[in-house]
Amino acid sequence: MRALKIATIVMGVLIVLGTTGLIVGVVRRTSKPTAEVMVPVAGLPAFVSAVLDEPPGTRIAGVVAVRERLAVQLQGGGVDRVVLVDPATGAVAGRISLAR
């Protein structure tokens, strides 16, 4: 009978600790800023307009500022590739194909 009481107390404490951990984890994830927040990058304009002539089915997988250029990672519509865009003019400054 004594072992049953000890097991019940230990399991109750574990349930409370687990619930507390889940609540703390949810609060931490919801309090972090999302990736959709626009953060100005020094030297780049706040708004860039560019038209990329890419085949149908192409989607943008990511955009990163690299020095005075924007590196746009494209997937689909052929091999994966990175297009370098000059943010001042919106012109394509270079292309890098990623072979599979």
C-alpha atoms as a PDB file:
ATOM      1  CA  MET A   1       0.000   0.000   0.000  1.00  0.00           C
ATOM      2  CA  ARG A   2       2.853   2.353   0.798  1.00  0.00           C
ATOM      3  CA  ALA A   3       4.457   1.788  -2.632  1.00  0.00           C
ATOM      4  CA  LEU A   4       1.160   2.649  -4.296  1.00  0.00           C
ATOM      5  CA  LYS A   5       0.968   5.969  -2.413  1.00  0.00           C
ATOM      6  CA  ILE A   6       4.549   6.841  -3.366  1.00  0.00           C
ATOM      7  CA  ALA A   7       3.932   5.939  -7.039  1.00  0.00           C
ATOM      8  CA  THR A   8       0.773   8.071  -7.070  1.00  0.00           C
ATOM      9  CA  ILE A   9       2.587  11.084  -5.600  1.00  0.00           C
ATOM     10  CA  VAL A  10       5.511  10.725  -8.030  1.00  0.00           C
ATOM     11  CA  MET A  11       3.170  10.466 -11.023  1.00  0.00           C
ATOM     12  CA  GLY A  12       1.194  13.501  -9.839  1.00  0.00           C
ATOM     13  CA  VAL A  13       4.396  15.548  -9.571  1.00  0.00           C
ATOM     14  CA  LEU A  14       5.449  14.423 -13.064  1.00  0.00           C
ATOM     15  CA  ILE A  15       2.067  15.464 -14.483  1.00  0.00           C
ATOM     16  CA  VAL A  16       2.361  18.917 -12.886  1.00  0.00           C
ATOM     17  CA  LEU A  17       5.948  19.348 -14.151  1.00  0.00           C
ATOM     18  CA  GLY A  18       4.999  18.218 -17.677  1.00  0.00           C
ATOM     19  CA  THR A  19       2.019  20.569 -17.830  1.00  0.00           C
ATOM     20  CA  THR A  20       4.177  23.460 -16.604  1.00  0.00           C
ATOM     21  CA  GLY A  21       6.799  22.670 -19.244  1.00  0.00           C
ATOM     22  CA  LEU A  22       4.187  22.647 -22.011  1.00  0.00           C
ATOM     23  CA  ILE A  23       2.758  25.990 -20.901  1.00  0.00           C
ATOM     24  CA  VAL A  24       6.235  27.567 -20.737  1.00  0.00           C
ATOM     25  CA  GLY A  25       7.064  26.210 -24.214  1.00  0.00           C
ATOM     26  CA  VAL A  26       3.867  27.595 -25.752  1.00  0.00           C
ATOM     27  CA  VAL A  27       4.400  31.016 -24.150  1.00  0.00           C
ATOM     28  CA  ARG A  28       7.994  31.168 -25.422  1.00  0.00           C
ATOM     29  CA  ARG A  29       7.003  30.283 -28.990  1.00  0.00           C
ATOM     30  CA  THR A  30       4.172  32.781 -29.141  1.00  0.00           C
ATOM     31  CA  SER A  31       6.260  35.611 -27.721  1.00  0.00           C
ATOM     32  CA  LYS A  32       9.024  35.341 -30.369  1.00  0.00           C
ATOM     33  CA  PRO A  33       8.779  37.710 -33.357  1.00  0.00           C
ATOM     34  CA  THR A  34       7.761  35.985 -36.574  1.00  0.00           C
ATOM     35  CA  ALA A  35       9.842  35.892 -39.733  1.00  0.00           C
ATOM     36  CA  GLU A  36       7.244  38.050 -41.490  1.00  0.00           C
ATOM     37  CA  VAL A  37       8.359  41.176 -39.645  1.00  0.00           C
ATOM     38  CA  MET A  38      10.044  43.534 -42.094  1.00  0.00           C
ATOM     39  CA  VAL A  39      13.461  44.554 -40.783  1.00  0.00           C
ATOM     40  CA  PRO A  40      15.252  47.260 -42.767  1.00  0.00           C
ATOM     41  CA  VAL A  41      18.718  46.261 -43.968  1.00  0.00           C
ATOM     42  CA  ALA A  42      21.315  49.024 -44.014  1.00  0.00           C
ATOM     43  CA  GLY A  43      22.023  50.205 -47.551  1.00  0.00           C
ATOM     44  CA  LEU A  44      18.953  48.557 -49.135  1.00  0.00           C
ATOM     45  CA  PRO A  45      15.762  50.384 -50.076  1.00  0.00           C
ATOM     46  CA  ALA A  46      12.637  49.621 -48.025  1.00  0.00           C
ATOM     47  CA  PHE A  47      10.696  48.561 -51.140  1.00  0.00           C
ATOM     48  CA  VAL A  48      12.055  46.631 -54.128  1.00  0.00           C
ATOM     49  CA  SER A  49      10.100  46.008 -57.318  1.00  0.00           C
ATOM     50  CA  ALA A  50      11.464  43.365 -59.687  1.00  0.00           C
ATOM     51  CA  VAL A  51       9.981  41.087 -62.341  1.00  0.00           C
ATOM     52  CA  LEU A  52      11.637  37.689 -62.695  1.00  0.00           C
ATOM     53  CA  ASP A  53      10.934  35.887 -65.976  1.00  0.00           C
ATOM     54  CA  GLU A  54      10.733  32.343 -64.665  1.00  0.00           C
ATOM     55  CA  PRO A  55       8.863  29.274 -65.961  1.00  0.00           C
ATOM     56  CA  PRO A  56       5.420  28.354 -64.568  1.00  0.00           C
ATOM     57  CA  GLY A  57       5.536  26.392 -61.325  1.00  0.00           C
ATOM     58  CA  THR A  58       8.434  28.421 -59.941  1.00  0.00           C
ATOM     59  CA  ARG A  59       8.125  29.490 -56.314  1.00  0.00           C
ATOM     60  CA  ILE A  60      10.289  31.676 -54.092  1.00  0.00           C
ATOM     61  CA  ALA A  61      11.849  29.553 -51.345  1.00  0.00           C
ATOM     62  CA  GLY A  62      13.749  32.377 -49.651  1.00  0.00           C
ATOM     63  CA  VAL A  63      15.204  35.859 -49.943  1.00  0.00           C
ATOM     64  CA  VAL A  64      18.459  37.021 -48.323  1.00  0.00           C
ATOM     65  CA  ALA A  65      20.304  40.346 -48.502  1.00  0.00           C
ATOM     66  CA  VAL A  66      23.882  39.806 -49.704  1.00  0.00           C
ATOM     67  CA  ARG A  67      25.942  43.006 -49.717  1.00  0.00           C
ATOM     68  CA  GLU A  68      24.208  45.311 -52.240  1.00  0.00           C
ATOM     69  CA  ARG A  69      22.121  42.503 -53.779  1.00  0.00           C
ATOM     70  CA  LEU A  70      19.128  40.361 -52.903  1.00  0.00           C
ATOM     71  CA  ALA A  71      19.626  36.621 -53.346  1.00  0.00           C
ATOM     72  CA  VAL A  72      16.284  35.031 -54.268  1.00  0.00           C
ATOM     73  CA  GLN A  73      16.173  31.230 -53.985  1.00  0.00           C
ATOM     74  CA  LEU A  74      13.785  29.735 -56.559  1.00  0.00           C
ATOM     75  CA  GLN A  75      12.430  26.181 -56.666  1.00  0.00           C
ATOM     76  CA  GLY A  76      10.291  24.388 -59.237  1.00  0.00           C
ATOM     77  CA  GLY A  77       9.992  25.090 -62.948  1.00  0.00           C
ATOM     78  CA  GLY A  78      13.357  23.397 -63.565  1.00  0.00           C
ATOM     79  CA  VAL A  79      16.483  23.048 -61.477  1.00  0.00           C
ATOM     80  CA  ASP A  80      16.709  24.941 -58.193  1.00  0.00           C
ATOM     81  CA  ARG A  81      18.470  28.257 -58.637  1.00  0.00           C
ATOM     82  CA  VAL A  82      19.449  31.530 -56.993  1.00  0.00           C
ATOM     83  CA  VAL A  83      18.815  34.840 -58.757  1.00  0.00           C
ATOM     84  CA  LEU A  84      20.740  37.933 -57.674  1.00  0.00           C
ATOM     85  CA  VAL A  85      18.642  41.098 -57.921  1.00  0.00           C
ATOM     86  CA  ASP A  86      19.937  44.667 -57.750  1.00  0.00           C
ATOM     87  CA  PRO A  87      17.455  46.335 -55.369  1.00  0.00           C
ATOM     88  CA  ALA A  88      18.225  49.833 -56.674  1.00  0.00           C
ATOM     89  CA  THR A  89      17.085  49.039 -60.233  1.00  0.00           C
ATOM     90  CA  GLY A  90      15.146  45.768 -59.845  1.00  0.00           C
ATOM     91  CA  ALA A  91      17.312  44.202 -62.576  1.00  0.00           C
ATOM     92  CA  VAL A  92      18.654  40.671 -62.421  1.00  0.00           C
ATOM     93  CA  ALA A  93      22.384  40.940 -61.658  1.00  0.00           C
ATOM     94  CA  GLY A  94      23.208  37.231 -61.912  1.00  0.00           C
ATOM     95  CA  ARG A  95      21.958  33.651 -61.800  1.00  0.00           C
ATOM     96  CA  ILE A  96      23.310  30.573 -60.063  1.00  0.00           C
ATOM     97  CA  SER A  97      21.886  27.139 -60.945  1.00  0.00           C
ATOM     98  CA  LEU A  98      21.946  24.431 -58.316  1.00  0.00           C
ATOM     99  CA  ALA A  99      22.561  21.044 -59.934  1.00  0.00           C
ATOM    100  CA  ARG A 100      20.980  17.991 -58.347  1.00  0.00           C
END
